[in-house]
N, C-alpha and C. Protein backbone atom coordinates (compact mmCIF):
# COMPACT_ATOMS: atom_id res chain seq x y z
N MET A 1 30.21 -9.05 -46.86
CA MET A 1 30.84 -7.83 -47.49
C MET A 1 29.93 -6.56 -47.94
N ALA A 2 29.86 -5.75 -47.47
CA ALA A 2 29.03 -4.43 -47.73
C ALA A 2 29.68 -3.94 -49.08
N LEU A 3 28.81 -3.49 -50.00
CA LEU A 3 29.03 -3.03 -51.22
C LEU A 3 28.53 -1.45 -51.29
N HIS A 4 29.33 -0.46 -51.84
CA HIS A 4 29.05 0.85 -51.92
C HIS A 4 28.09 0.84 -53.24
N ALA A 5 27.32 1.94 -53.37
CA ALA A 5 26.35 2.06 -54.40
C ALA A 5 26.97 2.03 -55.78
N ARG A 6 28.04 2.54 -55.96
CA ARG A 6 28.81 2.70 -57.24
C ARG A 6 29.21 0.98 -57.48
N GLU A 7 29.78 0.39 -56.35
CA GLU A 7 30.10 -0.91 -56.90
C GLU A 7 28.90 -1.84 -57.04
N PHE A 8 28.02 -1.75 -56.26
CA PHE A 8 26.72 -2.26 -56.27
C PHE A 8 25.93 -2.35 -57.81
N PHE A 9 25.76 -1.07 -58.24
CA PHE A 9 25.36 -0.89 -59.64
C PHE A 9 26.41 -1.33 -60.57
N ALA A 10 27.56 -1.17 -60.49
CA ALA A 10 28.49 -1.70 -61.37
C ALA A 10 28.57 -3.29 -61.72
N GLU A 11 28.19 -4.23 -60.55
CA GLU A 11 28.10 -5.50 -60.44
C GLU A 11 26.76 -5.75 -61.07
N LEU A 12 25.74 -5.09 -61.36
CA LEU A 12 24.49 -5.18 -62.00
C LEU A 12 24.66 -5.45 -63.61
N LYS A 13 25.72 -4.62 -64.03
CA LYS A 13 26.15 -4.37 -65.54
C LYS A 13 24.87 -4.41 -66.26
N LEU A 14 24.29 -3.10 -66.03
CA LEU A 14 23.20 -2.29 -66.53
C LEU A 14 23.53 -1.87 -67.95
N PRO A 15 22.82 -2.22 -68.96
CA PRO A 15 23.03 -1.96 -70.31
C PRO A 15 23.06 -0.32 -70.66
N PHE A 16 23.24 0.92 -69.88
CA PHE A 16 23.09 1.79 -70.19
C PHE A 16 24.18 2.76 -70.09
N ALA A 17 24.64 3.36 -71.56
CA ALA A 17 26.00 3.82 -71.73
C ALA A 17 25.87 5.37 -71.13
N ASP A 18 24.78 5.93 -71.02
CA ASP A 18 24.55 7.21 -70.53
C ASP A 18 23.94 7.04 -69.16
N SER A 19 24.68 6.78 -68.15
CA SER A 19 24.51 6.75 -66.62
C SER A 19 25.40 7.17 -65.93
N ALA A 20 24.94 7.53 -64.67
CA ALA A 20 25.86 7.75 -63.51
C ALA A 20 25.12 7.51 -62.04
N VAL A 21 26.04 7.50 -61.06
CA VAL A 21 25.89 7.12 -59.81
C VAL A 21 26.01 8.37 -58.91
N VAL A 22 24.90 9.04 -58.40
CA VAL A 22 25.05 10.18 -57.56
C VAL A 22 24.62 9.79 -56.09
N GLY A 23 25.65 9.85 -55.16
CA GLY A 23 25.25 9.38 -53.95
C GLY A 23 25.07 7.78 -53.98
N ASP A 24 23.73 7.53 -53.51
CA ASP A 24 23.46 6.39 -53.43
C ASP A 24 22.23 5.94 -54.62
N ILE A 25 22.18 6.90 -55.53
CA ILE A 25 21.07 6.74 -56.63
C ILE A 25 21.72 6.62 -58.03
N TYR A 26 21.39 5.47 -58.64
CA TYR A 26 21.75 5.35 -60.15
C TYR A 26 20.60 6.20 -61.10
N TYR A 27 21.27 6.77 -61.89
CA TYR A 27 20.40 7.32 -63.04
C TYR A 27 20.76 6.92 -64.44
N ALA A 28 19.88 6.63 -65.33
CA ALA A 28 20.36 6.30 -66.50
C ALA A 28 19.30 7.17 -67.70
N ALA A 29 19.87 7.09 -68.80
CA ALA A 29 18.84 7.51 -69.95
C ALA A 29 18.93 6.29 -71.04
N PRO A 30 17.50 5.56 -71.04
CA PRO A 30 17.67 4.50 -71.73
C PRO A 30 17.67 4.91 -73.40
N ARG A 31 17.51 6.18 -73.67
CA ARG A 31 17.80 6.76 -75.32
C ARG A 31 18.38 7.89 -75.07
N PRO A 32 19.65 8.16 -75.37
CA PRO A 32 20.30 9.48 -75.17
C PRO A 32 19.28 10.70 -75.81
N GLY A 33 19.32 11.65 -75.14
CA GLY A 33 18.42 12.85 -75.69
C GLY A 33 17.00 12.56 -75.67
N GLY A 34 16.60 11.59 -75.20
CA GLY A 34 15.06 11.38 -75.08
C GLY A 34 14.59 12.14 -73.60
N PRO A 35 13.31 11.79 -73.47
CA PRO A 35 12.68 12.39 -72.43
C PRO A 35 12.60 11.80 -71.03
N LEU A 36 12.78 10.02 -71.14
CA LEU A 36 12.54 9.20 -70.02
C LEU A 36 13.83 9.02 -69.51
N ARG A 37 13.90 8.93 -68.18
CA ARG A 37 14.98 8.40 -67.28
C ARG A 37 14.79 7.16 -66.44
N LEU A 38 15.96 6.67 -65.98
CA LEU A 38 15.45 5.30 -64.99
C LEU A 38 16.22 5.94 -63.89
N ARG A 39 15.71 5.67 -62.72
CA ARG A 39 16.43 6.10 -61.34
C ARG A 39 16.12 4.81 -60.52
N ILE A 40 17.24 4.38 -59.79
CA ILE A 40 17.30 3.11 -59.12
C ILE A 40 18.02 3.76 -57.68
N ASP A 41 16.93 3.76 -56.83
CA ASP A 41 17.76 3.78 -55.39
C ASP A 41 17.35 2.81 -54.31
N PHE A 42 18.01 2.71 -53.19
CA PHE A 42 17.69 1.84 -52.49
C PHE A 42 16.40 2.16 -51.22
N THR A 43 15.59 1.14 -50.86
CA THR A 43 14.54 1.19 -50.01
C THR A 43 14.86 0.90 -48.67
N SER A 44 15.00 1.68 -47.57
CA SER A 44 15.19 1.70 -46.30
C SER A 44 14.53 0.56 -45.47
N THR A 45 15.21 0.15 -44.41
CA THR A 45 14.48 -0.62 -43.25
C THR A 45 14.46 0.43 -42.07
N ARG A 46 13.97 -0.08 -41.02
CA ARG A 46 13.88 0.55 -40.06
C ARG A 46 15.20 1.00 -39.34
N TRP A 47 16.32 0.37 -39.70
CA TRP A 47 17.50 0.39 -39.15
C TRP A 47 18.10 1.43 -39.89
N ALA A 48 19.31 2.19 -39.43
CA ALA A 48 19.93 3.25 -40.43
C ALA A 48 20.92 2.47 -41.14
N ASN A 49 21.38 2.59 -42.45
CA ASN A 49 22.18 2.02 -43.24
C ASN A 49 22.00 0.60 -43.54
N GLN A 50 20.66 0.24 -43.27
CA GLN A 50 20.36 -1.36 -43.88
C GLN A 50 19.04 -1.12 -44.88
N TYR A 51 19.21 -1.71 -45.82
CA TYR A 51 18.21 -1.86 -46.86
C TYR A 51 17.61 -3.23 -47.45
N ASP A 52 16.37 -3.26 -47.85
CA ASP A 52 15.78 -4.30 -47.93
C ASP A 52 15.08 -4.49 -49.50
N GLY A 53 15.42 -3.52 -50.15
CA GLY A 53 15.01 -3.65 -51.63
C GLY A 53 15.81 -2.41 -52.47
N LEU A 54 15.15 -2.52 -53.67
CA LEU A 54 15.29 -1.32 -54.49
C LEU A 54 14.36 -0.69 -55.08
N ARG A 55 13.89 0.55 -55.34
CA ARG A 55 12.93 1.38 -55.83
C ARG A 55 13.35 1.63 -57.35
N LEU A 56 12.74 1.32 -58.25
CA LEU A 56 13.06 1.40 -59.65
C LEU A 56 11.96 2.43 -60.20
N ALA A 57 12.26 3.54 -60.78
CA ALA A 57 11.32 4.55 -61.27
C ALA A 57 11.51 5.06 -62.55
N THR A 58 10.80 4.90 -63.58
CA THR A 58 10.82 5.27 -64.91
C THR A 58 10.15 6.75 -64.91
N VAL A 59 11.15 7.83 -64.97
CA VAL A 59 10.78 9.18 -64.78
C VAL A 59 10.63 9.98 -65.93
N HIS A 60 9.63 10.67 -66.52
CA HIS A 60 9.70 11.67 -67.64
C HIS A 60 9.99 13.07 -67.25
N GLN A 61 10.84 13.49 -67.93
CA GLN A 61 11.56 14.85 -67.55
C GLN A 61 10.57 16.10 -67.27
N ASP A 62 9.25 15.77 -67.72
CA ASP A 62 8.30 17.08 -67.60
C ASP A 62 7.14 16.47 -66.66
N ARG A 63 6.88 15.23 -66.62
CA ARG A 63 5.62 14.46 -66.13
C ARG A 63 6.14 13.84 -64.65
N GLY A 64 7.27 13.79 -64.46
CA GLY A 64 7.63 12.94 -63.19
C GLY A 64 7.48 11.59 -63.33
N ASP A 65 7.44 10.72 -62.23
CA ASP A 65 7.41 9.42 -62.17
C ASP A 65 6.00 8.93 -62.90
N LEU A 66 6.29 7.95 -63.75
CA LEU A 66 5.51 7.19 -64.88
C LEU A 66 5.19 5.85 -64.31
N ASP A 67 5.91 5.15 -63.59
CA ASP A 67 5.95 4.09 -63.08
C ASP A 67 6.88 3.64 -61.95
N VAL A 68 6.76 3.00 -60.89
CA VAL A 68 7.48 2.77 -59.85
C VAL A 68 7.31 1.32 -59.48
N THR A 69 8.51 0.39 -59.28
CA THR A 69 8.32 -0.73 -58.76
C THR A 69 9.23 -0.87 -57.42
N ILE A 70 8.64 -1.70 -56.51
CA ILE A 70 9.85 -2.02 -55.44
C ILE A 70 10.07 -3.45 -55.24
N PRO A 71 11.10 -4.15 -55.91
CA PRO A 71 11.55 -5.43 -55.50
C PRO A 71 12.13 -5.63 -54.23
N ARG A 72 11.67 -6.48 -53.61
CA ARG A 72 12.45 -6.78 -52.22
C ARG A 72 13.76 -7.86 -52.48
N PHE A 73 14.89 -7.61 -51.91
CA PHE A 73 16.05 -8.44 -51.94
C PHE A 73 15.43 -9.89 -51.31
N ALA A 74 14.47 -10.23 -50.55
CA ALA A 74 14.21 -11.47 -49.55
C ALA A 74 13.23 -12.14 -50.93
N GLU A 75 12.72 -11.41 -51.97
CA GLU A 75 12.01 -11.93 -52.84
C GLU A 75 12.78 -12.69 -53.94
N HIS A 76 14.26 -12.08 -54.13
CA HIS A 76 15.06 -12.68 -55.09
C HIS A 76 16.08 -13.16 -54.75
């Protein structure tokens, strides 16, 4: 069964109260009012609407991406 992004991220039960799903992307503020954000989106395969992992980025509001990792679904 396919999950939509909002359902997928709800199933993960991430601990961030200040969060939102916009389209297929999850955004969260680890500390409300702080400069850091968490962005999670899906990494695509060669085929349309199929994904093989997630892209997790720690983003600073002034400096952009600080750290990025891409865990693949096959690895977990």
